[in-house]
Amino acid sequence: MSDAAEIILAVGFAVALVIVGLTVADHINRAQTVELYTPYYAVRSNQYPLIES
């Protein structure tokens, strides 16, 4: 295999790894955000039951 083909493969593989890494990080960030904010909203909604009703 020529040097150019190896470079293209290496760059493509690196780009694929970056995309997968960003996707996983985005998923983890969203999951953590939901876990952090859900109890907060639950507490907020429980504090004011009379106002909401």
PDB file of N, CA and C in Angstrom:
ATOM      1  N   MET A   1       0.850  -1.193   0.000  1.00  0.00           N
ATOM      2  CA  MET A   1       0.000   0.000   0.000  1.00  0.00           C
ATOM      3  C   MET A   1       0.889   1.247   0.000  1.00  0.00           C
ATOM      4  N   SER A   2       0.459   2.248  -0.734  1.00  0.00           N
ATOM      5  CA  SER A   2       1.273   3.458  -0.852  1.00  0.00           C
ATOM      6  C   SER A   2       1.157   4.327   0.397  1.00  0.00           C
ATOM      7  N   ASP A   3       2.111   5.239   0.520  1.00  0.00           N
ATOM      8  CA  ASP A   3       2.107   6.131   1.681  1.00  0.00           C
ATOM      9  C   ASP A   3       0.845   6.988   1.714  1.00  0.00           C
ATOM     10  N   ALA A   4       0.418   7.459   0.546  1.00  0.00           N
ATOM     11  CA  ALA A   4      -0.763   8.327   0.489  1.00  0.00           C
ATOM     12  C   ALA A   4      -1.996   7.586   0.988  1.00  0.00           C
ATOM     13  N   ALA A   5      -2.143   6.335   0.589  1.00  0.00           N
ATOM     14  CA  ALA A   5      -3.308   5.558   1.014  1.00  0.00           C
ATOM     15  C   ALA A   5      -3.279   5.328   2.518  1.00  0.00           C
ATOM     16  N   GLU A   6      -2.095   5.081   3.063  1.00  0.00           N
ATOM     17  CA  GLU A   6      -1.988   4.870   4.513  1.00  0.00           C
ATOM     18  C   GLU A   6      -2.336   6.145   5.277  1.00  0.00           C
ATOM     19  N   ILE A   7      -1.892   7.285   4.748  1.00  0.00           N
ATOM     20  CA  ILE A   7      -2.196   8.561   5.403  1.00  0.00           C
ATOM     21  C   ILE A   7      -3.702   8.819   5.371  1.00  0.00           C
ATOM     22  N   ILE A   8      -4.318   8.559   4.217  1.00  0.00           N
ATOM     23  CA  ILE A   8      -5.765   8.777   4.094  1.00  0.00           C
ATOM     24  C   ILE A   8      -6.517   7.884   5.075  1.00  0.00           C
ATOM     25  N   LEU A   9      -6.092   6.626   5.174  1.00  0.00           N
ATOM     26  CA  LEU A   9      -6.744   5.706   6.111  1.00  0.00           C
ATOM     27  C   LEU A   9      -6.559   6.177   7.550  1.00  0.00           C
ATOM     28  N   ALA A  10      -5.342   6.614   7.874  1.00  0.00           N
ATOM     29  CA  ALA A  10      -5.069   7.059   9.240  1.00  0.00           C
ATOM     30  C   ALA A  10      -5.908   8.287   9.589  1.00  0.00           C
ATOM     31  N   VAL A  11      -5.994   9.232   8.666  1.00  0.00           N
ATOM     32  CA  VAL A  11      -6.786  10.441   8.909  1.00  0.00           C
ATOM     33  C   VAL A  11      -8.260  10.081   9.045  1.00  0.00           C
ATOM     34  N   GLY A  12      -8.747   9.209   8.178  1.00  0.00           N
ATOM     35  CA  GLY A  12     -10.146   8.788   8.258  1.00  0.00           C
ATOM     36  C   GLY A  12     -10.447   8.092   9.568  1.00  0.00           C
ATOM     37  N   PHE A  13      -9.517   7.255  10.015  1.00  0.00           N
ATOM     38  CA  PHE A  13      -9.705   6.540  11.283  1.00  0.00           C
ATOM     39  C   PHE A  13      -9.708   7.519  12.451  1.00  0.00           C
ATOM     40  N   ALA A  14      -8.802   8.503  12.400  1.00  0.00           N
ATOM     41  CA  ALA A  14      -8.741   9.503  13.469  1.00  0.00           C
ATOM     42  C   ALA A  14     -10.026  10.320  13.515  1.00  0.00           C
ATOM     43  N   VAL A  15     -10.537  10.707  12.354  1.00  0.00           N
ATOM     44  CA  VAL A  15     -11.785  11.477  12.299  1.00  0.00           C
ATOM     45  C   VAL A  15     -12.928  10.654  12.866  1.00  0.00           C
ATOM     46  N   ALA A  16     -12.974   9.364  12.524  1.00  0.00           N
ATOM     47  CA  ALA A  16     -14.033   8.493  13.045  1.00  0.00           C
ATOM     48  C   ALA A  16     -13.948   8.396  14.566  1.00  0.00           C
ATOM     49  N   LEU A  17     -12.739   8.282  15.097  1.00  0.00           N
ATOM     50  CA  LEU A  17     -12.571   8.212  16.554  1.00  0.00           C
ATOM     51  C   LEU A  17     -13.043   9.503  17.220  1.00  0.00           C
ATOM     52  N   VAL A  18     -12.721  10.644  16.618  1.00  0.00           N
ATOM     53  CA  VAL A  18     -13.135  11.929  17.185  1.00  0.00           C
ATOM     54  C   VAL A  18     -14.655  12.031  17.188  1.00  0.00           C
ATOM     55  N   ILE A  19     -15.286  11.617  16.084  1.00  0.00           N
ATOM     56  CA  ILE A  19     -16.751  11.692  16.003  1.00  0.00           C
ATOM     57  C   ILE A  19     -17.388  10.799  17.062  1.00  0.00           C
ATOM     58  N   VAL A  20     -16.879   9.584  17.205  1.00  0.00           N
ATOM     59  CA  VAL A  20     -17.420   8.672  18.216  1.00  0.00           C
ATOM     60  C   VAL A  20     -17.212   9.255  19.613  1.00  0.00           C
ATOM     61  N   GLY A  21     -16.033   9.810  19.857  1.00  0.00           N
ATOM     62  CA  GLY A  21     -15.740  10.390  21.164  1.00  0.00           C
ATOM     63  C   GLY A  21     -16.662  11.548  21.488  1.00  0.00           C
ATOM     64  N   LEU A  22     -16.895  12.419  20.515  1.00  0.00           N
ATOM     65  CA  LEU A  22     -17.788  13.555  20.744  1.00  0.00           C
ATOM     66  C   LEU A  22     -19.214  13.088  20.979  1.00  0.00           C
ATOM     67  N   THR A  23     -19.638  12.068  20.240  1.00  0.00           N
ATOM     68  CA  THR A  23     -21.001  11.549  20.406  1.00  0.00           C
ATOM     69  C   THR A  23     -21.180  10.959  21.792  1.00  0.00           C
ATOM     70  N   VAL A  24     -20.206  10.173  22.244  1.00  0.00           N
ATOM     71  CA  VAL A  24     -20.288   9.567  23.577  1.00  0.00           C
ATOM     72  C   VAL A  24     -20.266  10.653  24.650  1.00  0.00           C
ATOM     73  N   ALA A  25     -19.380  11.637  24.497  1.00  0.00           N
ATOM     74  CA  ALA A  25     -19.290  12.720  25.482  1.00  0.00           C
ATOM     75  C   ALA A  25     -20.594  13.504  25.537  1.00  0.00           C
ATOM     76  N   ASP A  26     -21.197  13.756  24.375  1.00  0.00           N
ATOM     77  CA  ASP A  26     -22.463  14.487  24.337  1.00  0.00           C
ATOM     78  C   ASP A  26     -23.551  13.696  25.043  1.00  0.00           C
ATOM     79  N   HIS A  27     -23.569  12.395  24.820  1.00  0.00           N
ATOM     80  CA  HIS A  27     -24.576  11.542  25.466  1.00  0.00           C
ATOM     81  C   HIS A  27     -24.385  11.539  26.981  1.00  0.00           C
ATOM     82  N   ILE A  28     -23.125  11.446  27.421  1.00  0.00           N
ATOM     83  CA  ILE A  28     -22.845  11.433  28.864  1.00  0.00           C
ATOM     84  C   ILE A  28     -23.235  12.773  29.481  1.00  0.00           C
ATOM     85  N   ASN A  29     -22.904  13.869  28.797  1.00  0.00           N
ATOM     86  CA  ASN A  29     -23.239  15.193  29.325  1.00  0.00           C
ATOM     87  C   ASN A  29     -24.745  15.361  29.467  1.00  0.00           C
ATOM     88  N   ARG A  30     -25.498  14.884  28.468  1.00  0.00           N
ATOM     89  CA  ARG A  30     -26.956  15.014  28.539  1.00  0.00           C
ATOM     90  C   ARG A  30     -27.513  14.162  29.666  1.00  0.00           C
ATOM     91  N   ALA A  31     -26.971  12.964  29.846  1.00  0.00           N
ATOM     92  CA  ALA A  31     -27.459  12.080  30.905  1.00  0.00           C
ATOM     93  C   ALA A  31     -27.183  12.705  32.272  1.00  0.00           C
ATOM     94  N   GLN A  32     -26.003  13.277  32.447  1.00  0.00           N
ATOM     95  CA  GLN A  32     -25.666  13.901  33.728  1.00  0.00           C
ATOM     96  C   GLN A  32     -26.545  15.122  33.971  1.00  0.00           C
ATOM     97  N   THR A  33     -26.821  15.878  32.923  1.00  0.00           N
ATOM     98  CA  THR A  33     -27.663  17.067  33.068  1.00  0.00           C
ATOM     99  C   THR A  33     -29.055  16.670  33.517  1.00  0.00           C
ATOM    100  N   VAL A  34     -29.607  15.627  32.923  1.00  0.00           N
ATOM    101  CA  VAL A  34     -30.943  15.164  33.311  1.00  0.00           C
ATOM    102  C   VAL A  34     -30.932  14.700  34.760  1.00  0.00           C
ATOM    103  N   GLU A  35     -29.894  13.963  35.148  1.00  0.00           N
ATOM    104  CA  GLU A  35     -29.826  13.460  36.522  1.00  0.00           C
ATOM    105  C   GLU A  35     -29.685  14.607  37.520  1.00  0.00           C
ATOM    106  N   LEU A  36     -28.987  15.667  37.145  1.00  0.00           N
ATOM    107  CA  LEU A  36     -28.781  16.784  38.068  1.00  0.00           C
ATOM    108  C   LEU A  36     -30.029  17.655  38.173  1.00  0.00           C
ATOM    109  N   TYR A  37     -30.709  17.888  37.053  1.00  0.00           N
ATOM    110  CA  TYR A  37     -31.808  18.850  37.053  1.00  0.00           C
ATOM    111  C   TYR A  37     -33.146  18.236  37.422  1.00  0.00           C
ATOM    112  N   THR A  38     -33.318  16.944  37.220  1.00  0.00           N
ATOM    113  CA  THR A  38     -34.619  16.334  37.516  1.00  0.00           C
ATOM    114  C   THR A  38     -34.981  16.459  38.999  1.00  0.00           C
ATOM    115  N   PRO A  39     -34.078  16.158  39.945  1.00  0.00           N
ATOM    116  CA  PRO A  39     -34.430  16.349  41.366  1.00  0.00           C
ATOM    117  C   PRO A  39     -34.712  17.815  41.686  1.00  0.00           C
ATOM    118  N   TYR A  40     -34.004  18.726  41.035  1.00  0.00           N
ATOM    119  CA  TYR A  40     -34.204  20.158  41.285  1.00  0.00           C
ATOM    120  C   TYR A  40     -35.626  20.565  40.898  1.00  0.00           C
ATOM    121  N   TYR A  41     -36.068  20.123  39.716  1.00  0.00           N
ATOM    122  CA  TYR A  41     -37.421  20.463  39.287  1.00  0.00           C
ATOM    123  C   TYR A  41     -38.462  19.772  40.158  1.00  0.00           C
ATOM    124  N   ALA A  42     -38.166  18.565  40.616  1.00  0.00           N
ATOM    125  CA  ALA A  42     -39.096  17.857  41.493  1.00  0.00           C
ATOM    126  C   ALA A  42     -39.255  18.627  42.800  1.00  0.00           C
ATOM    127  N   VAL A  43     -38.140  19.131  43.341  1.00  0.00           N
ATOM    128  CA  VAL A  43     -38.204  19.908  44.584  1.00  0.00           C
ATOM    129  C   VAL A  43     -38.970  21.204  44.350  1.00  0.00           C
ATOM    130  N   ARG A  44     -38.695  21.863  43.237  1.00  0.00           N
ATOM    131  CA  ARG A  44     -39.377  23.125  42.941  1.00  0.00           C
ATOM    132  C   ARG A  44     -40.888  22.908  42.835  1.00  0.00           C
ATOM    133  N   SER A  45     -41.303  21.846  42.160  1.00  0.00           N
ATOM    134  CA  SER A  45     -42.731  21.611  41.971  1.00  0.00           C
ATOM    135  C   SER A  45     -43.392  21.191  43.280  1.00  0.00           C
ATOM    136  N   ASN A  46     -42.639  20.538  44.182  1.00  0.00           N
ATOM    137  CA  ASN A  46     -43.212  20.117  45.458  1.00  0.00           C
ATOM    138  C   ASN A  46     -43.304  21.276  46.448  1.00  0.00           C
ATOM    139  N   GLN A  47     -42.506  22.304  46.248  1.00  0.00           N
ATOM    140  CA  GLN A  47     -42.518  23.431  47.182  1.00  0.00           C
ATOM    141  C   GLN A  47     -43.780  24.280  47.022  1.00  0.00           C
ATOM    142  N   TYR A  48     -44.329  24.299  45.823  1.00  0.00           N
ATOM    143  CA  TYR A  48     -45.449  25.202  45.554  1.00  0.00           C
ATOM    144  C   TYR A  48     -46.679  24.443  45.054  1.00  0.00           C
ATOM    145  N   PRO A  49     -47.167  23.472  45.806  1.00  0.00           N
ATOM    146  CA  PRO A  49     -48.326  22.718  45.310  1.00  0.00           C
ATOM    147  C   PRO A  49     -49.593  23.573  45.299  1.00  0.00           C
ATOM    148  N   LEU A  50     -49.707  24.507  46.253  1.00  0.00           N
ATOM    149  CA  LEU A  50     -50.925  25.313  46.335  1.00  0.00           C
ATOM    150  C   LEU A  50     -50.995  26.326  45.202  1.00  0.00           C
ATOM    151  N   ILE A  51     -49.828  26.871  44.837  1.00  0.00           N
ATOM    152  CA  ILE A  51     -49.810  27.867  43.762  1.00  0.00           C
ATOM    153  C   ILE A  51     -50.180  27.203  42.438  1.00  0.00           C
ATOM    154  N   GLU A  52     -49.658  25.997  42.218  1.00  0.00           N
ATOM    155  CA  GLU A  52     -49.923  25.328  40.952  1.00  0.00           C
ATOM    156  C   GLU A  52     -51.380  24.901  40.856  1.00  0.00           C
ATOM    157  N   SER A  53     -51.971  24.502  41.970  1.00  0.00           N
ATOM    158  CA  SER A  53     -53.369  24.075  41.935  1.00  0.00           C
ATOM    159  C   SER A  53     -54.264  25.302  42.124  1.00  0.00           C
TER     160      SER A  53
END
